[in-house]
């Protein structure tokens, strides 16, 4: 294998190690949670894939294109950070926004860390305490009962805050949500999602 191909393989191994620990607290280098990748380990791994590591290349040697293909396959196997947002208390880490329709009298309460954008209609901020909801677009906090501007990004620092259609709003209000949330009817019952 050429020196460049071996370098790519080493970079790949380091990349996989970094990805696997990126969401955890920083482990001690060389520990079981952050193993050191040695040349002999890499050689065993490559041989297990049906290739060989060395300077000769030969018919069994891995080419740079083969290594890139293996890297792509291994990256595809990595778990995605795609945690099912749009369902009560399970939206942690979801990167996609979900469109939710609110009927008159319904309230959407976002989980801590969730994001919300009102797309149409007149809505009001809801909070279970004196603190407001950060309107990132406007750069201000929205107290309970404040009108929420359409197409403004709201970030929810704690549970128990959300938005609801104004009492005069008769049409469905559409909001986009990233993260966990619960939709409640006026009587407090949860709407299945």
Protein backbone atom coordinates (compact mmCIF):
# COMPACT_ATOMS: atom_id res chain seq x y z
CA UNK A 1 0.00 0.00 0.00
CA UNK A 2 1.27 3.43 -0.77
CA UNK A 3 2.23 5.75 2.03
CA UNK A 4 -0.72 8.06 1.18
CA UNK A 5 -3.22 5.22 1.45
CA UNK A 6 -1.84 4.21 4.85
CA UNK A 7 -2.15 7.82 5.98
CA UNK A 8 -5.79 7.89 4.91
CA UNK A 9 -6.45 4.66 6.83
CA UNK A 10 -4.87 6.12 9.99
CA UNK A 11 -6.89 9.31 9.60
CA UNK A 12 -10.03 7.21 9.17
CA UNK A 13 -9.34 5.29 12.37
CA UNK A 14 -8.78 8.53 14.27
CA UNK A 15 -11.96 9.98 12.74
CA UNK A 16 -14.05 7.01 13.89
CA UNK A 17 -12.59 7.24 17.37
CA UNK A 18 -13.39 10.96 17.54
CA UNK A 19 -16.97 10.48 16.32
CA UNK A 20 -17.72 7.76 18.82
CA UNK A 21 -16.78 9.96 21.76
CA UNK A 22 -17.89 13.37 20.50
CA UNK A 23 -21.16 13.33 22.48
CA UNK A 24 -19.64 12.05 25.71
CA UNK A 25 -17.44 13.68 28.32
CA UNK A 26 -13.81 13.74 27.29
CA UNK A 27 -12.35 10.36 28.30
CA UNK A 28 -8.74 9.78 29.31
CA UNK A 29 -6.56 9.17 26.23
CA UNK A 30 -5.48 5.54 26.04
CA UNK A 31 -8.30 4.32 28.28
CA UNK A 32 -10.94 1.77 27.24
CA UNK A 33 -13.21 4.69 26.30
CA UNK A 34 -10.51 6.31 24.13
CA UNK A 35 -8.23 3.57 22.84
CA UNK A 36 -5.01 4.30 21.02
CA UNK A 37 -5.04 2.94 17.48
CA UNK A 38 -1.77 1.15 16.78
CA UNK A 39 -0.27 0.13 13.47
CA UNK A 40 -0.69 -3.57 14.35
CA UNK A 41 -4.39 -3.03 15.13
CA UNK A 42 -4.85 -1.22 11.83
CA UNK A 43 -3.06 -4.02 9.98
CA UNK A 44 -5.34 -6.63 11.60
CA UNK A 45 -8.41 -4.56 10.76
CA UNK A 46 -7.40 -4.13 7.12
CA UNK A 47 -6.49 -7.83 6.79
CA UNK A 48 -9.94 -8.67 8.16
CA UNK A 49 -11.35 -6.69 5.25
CA UNK A 50 -9.40 -8.85 2.80
CA UNK A 51 -6.51 -6.50 2.13
CA UNK A 52 -2.98 -6.01 3.31
CA UNK A 53 -0.95 -3.15 4.66
CA UNK A 54 2.55 -2.68 3.37
CA UNK A 55 4.65 -0.82 0.89
CA UNK A 56 4.39 -3.40 -1.90
CA UNK A 57 0.68 -2.90 -2.70
CA UNK A 58 0.43 -6.21 -4.62
CA UNK A 59 -2.83 -7.74 -5.73
CA UNK A 60 -4.21 -7.85 -2.17
CA UNK A 61 -3.02 -4.36 -1.23
CA UNK A 62 -5.64 -1.70 -0.60
CA UNK A 63 -5.65 1.15 -3.04
CA UNK A 64 -6.51 4.68 -2.05
CA UNK A 65 -9.91 4.40 -3.77
CA UNK A 66 -10.65 1.15 -1.90
CA UNK A 67 -9.79 2.81 1.41
CA UNK A 68 -12.09 5.73 0.57
CA UNK A 69 -14.86 3.24 -0.22
CA UNK A 70 -14.32 1.47 3.13
CA UNK A 71 -14.34 4.82 4.94
CA UNK A 72 -17.66 5.73 3.30
CA UNK A 73 -19.15 2.36 4.29
CA UNK A 74 -17.99 2.71 7.90
CA UNK A 75 -19.32 6.27 8.15
CA UNK A 76 -22.68 5.06 6.85
CA UNK A 77 -22.79 2.53 9.71
CA UNK A 78 -22.35 5.21 12.39
CA UNK A 79 -25.49 6.02 14.37
CA UNK A 80 -27.14 9.27 13.43
CA UNK A 81 -28.18 11.83 15.99
CA UNK A 82 -31.79 11.62 14.93
CA UNK A 83 -33.91 11.29 18.01
CA UNK A 84 -37.56 11.29 16.90
CA UNK A 85 -38.60 14.88 17.54
CA UNK A 86 -42.24 15.77 17.39
CA UNK A 87 -43.32 13.30 20.00
CA UNK A 88 -43.78 14.06 23.67
CA UNK A 89 -40.48 14.19 25.55
CA UNK A 90 -38.48 12.30 22.91
CA UNK A 91 -37.23 15.03 20.62
CA UNK A 92 -33.75 15.39 22.02
CA UNK A 93 -31.22 15.90 19.29
CA UNK A 94 -33.42 15.75 16.26
CA UNK A 95 -32.08 17.97 13.50
CA UNK A 96 -35.19 17.99 11.30
CA UNK A 97 -38.06 20.40 11.89
CA UNK A 98 -41.57 18.99 11.99
CA UNK A 99 -44.65 20.92 10.91
CA UNK A 100 -47.45 20.84 13.48
CA UNK A 101 -51.00 22.18 12.98
CA UNK A 102 -52.61 23.80 16.02
CA UNK A 103 -56.38 24.03 16.10
CA UNK A 104 -58.24 26.75 18.01
CA UNK A 105 -57.83 26.20 21.76
CA UNK A 106 -54.74 24.00 21.48
CA UNK A 107 -51.36 24.83 23.00
CA UNK A 108 -47.96 23.49 22.03
CA UNK A 109 -45.56 23.16 24.96
CA UNK A 110 -41.93 22.68 23.96
CA UNK A 111 -39.34 20.64 25.84
CA UNK A 112 -36.24 22.40 27.16
CA UNK A 113 -33.84 23.05 24.28
CA UNK A 114 -36.50 22.82 21.56
CA UNK A 115 -36.90 25.40 18.81
CA UNK A 116 -40.14 26.67 17.29
CA UNK A 117 -41.15 28.95 14.42
CA UNK A 118 -44.76 30.14 13.96
CA UNK A 119 -45.52 30.12 10.23
CA UNK A 120 -49.02 31.68 10.06
CA UNK A 121 -51.83 33.09 12.16
CA UNK A 122 -51.77 35.06 15.38
CA UNK A 123 -50.28 33.26 18.39
CA UNK A 124 -49.48 34.13 21.99
CA UNK A 125 -46.57 33.11 24.19
CA UNK A 126 -47.35 30.68 27.02
CA UNK A 127 -45.21 30.28 30.15
CA UNK A 128 -45.80 28.55 33.47
CA UNK A 129 -43.63 31.10 35.31
CA UNK A 130 -42.62 34.76 35.15
CA UNK A 131 -39.75 34.09 32.76
CA UNK A 132 -40.31 34.44 29.06
CA UNK A 133 -39.38 32.72 25.84
CA UNK A 134 -36.28 33.95 23.98
CA UNK A 135 -37.22 35.31 20.54
CA UNK A 136 -33.82 34.92 18.89
CA UNK A 137 -34.84 36.78 15.75
CA UNK A 138 -35.98 39.89 17.62
CA UNK A 139 -33.38 39.57 20.37
CA UNK A 140 -35.85 39.83 23.25
CA UNK A 141 -37.80 37.72 25.74
CA UNK A 142 -41.52 37.16 25.20
CA UNK A 143 -43.56 37.22 28.41
CA UNK A 144 -46.69 35.08 28.74
CA UNK A 145 -49.52 36.56 26.66
CA UNK A 146 -47.20 38.42 24.26
CA UNK A 147 -47.94 38.15 20.54
CA UNK A 148 -45.43 35.90 18.77
CA UNK A 149 -44.25 37.26 15.44
CA UNK A 150 -44.47 34.87 12.48
CA UNK A 151 -41.20 33.46 11.13
CA UNK A 152 -39.27 34.31 14.32
CA UNK A 153 -37.11 31.61 15.89
CA UNK A 154 -38.02 30.84 19.50
CA UNK A 155 -35.76 28.74 21.74
CA UNK A 156 -37.17 27.18 24.90
CA UNK A 157 -34.72 27.12 27.83
CA UNK A 158 -37.10 25.16 30.09
CA UNK A 159 -40.16 22.92 29.90
CA UNK A 160 -43.60 24.44 30.47
CA UNK A 161 -43.40 27.15 27.81
CA UNK A 162 -44.93 27.30 24.37
CA UNK A 163 -47.40 29.07 22.11
CA UNK A 164 -51.13 28.96 21.48
CA UNK A 165 -53.40 30.50 18.85
CA UNK A 166 -55.05 33.79 19.79
CA UNK A 167 -58.68 33.34 20.90
CA UNK A 168 -59.83 35.21 17.77
CA UNK A 169 -57.86 32.86 15.48
CA UNK A 170 -60.25 30.38 13.83
CA UNK A 171 -58.00 28.87 11.16
CA UNK A 172 -55.36 26.23 11.92
CA UNK A 173 -52.01 27.72 12.92
CA UNK A 174 -48.92 25.98 11.57
CA UNK A 175 -45.67 25.90 13.52
CA UNK A 176 -42.34 24.25 12.82
CA UNK A 177 -40.72 22.47 15.77
CA UNK A 178 -37.29 20.97 16.31
CA UNK A 179 -37.06 18.89 19.48
CA UNK A 180 -39.60 17.46 21.88
CA UNK A 181 -43.04 18.93 22.49
CA UNK A 182 -46.58 18.16 23.62
CA UNK A 183 -49.80 19.51 22.10
CA UNK A 184 -52.62 20.03 24.60
CA UNK A 185 -56.30 20.76 24.15
CA UNK A 186 -57.95 23.58 26.10
CA UNK A 187 -59.02 21.08 28.79
CA UNK A 188 -55.39 19.97 29.34
CA UNK A 189 -55.70 16.61 27.55
CA UNK A 190 -52.80 15.65 25.31
CA UNK A 191 -53.27 15.41 21.55
CA UNK A 192 -51.75 12.17 20.16
CA UNK A 193 -48.91 12.80 17.72
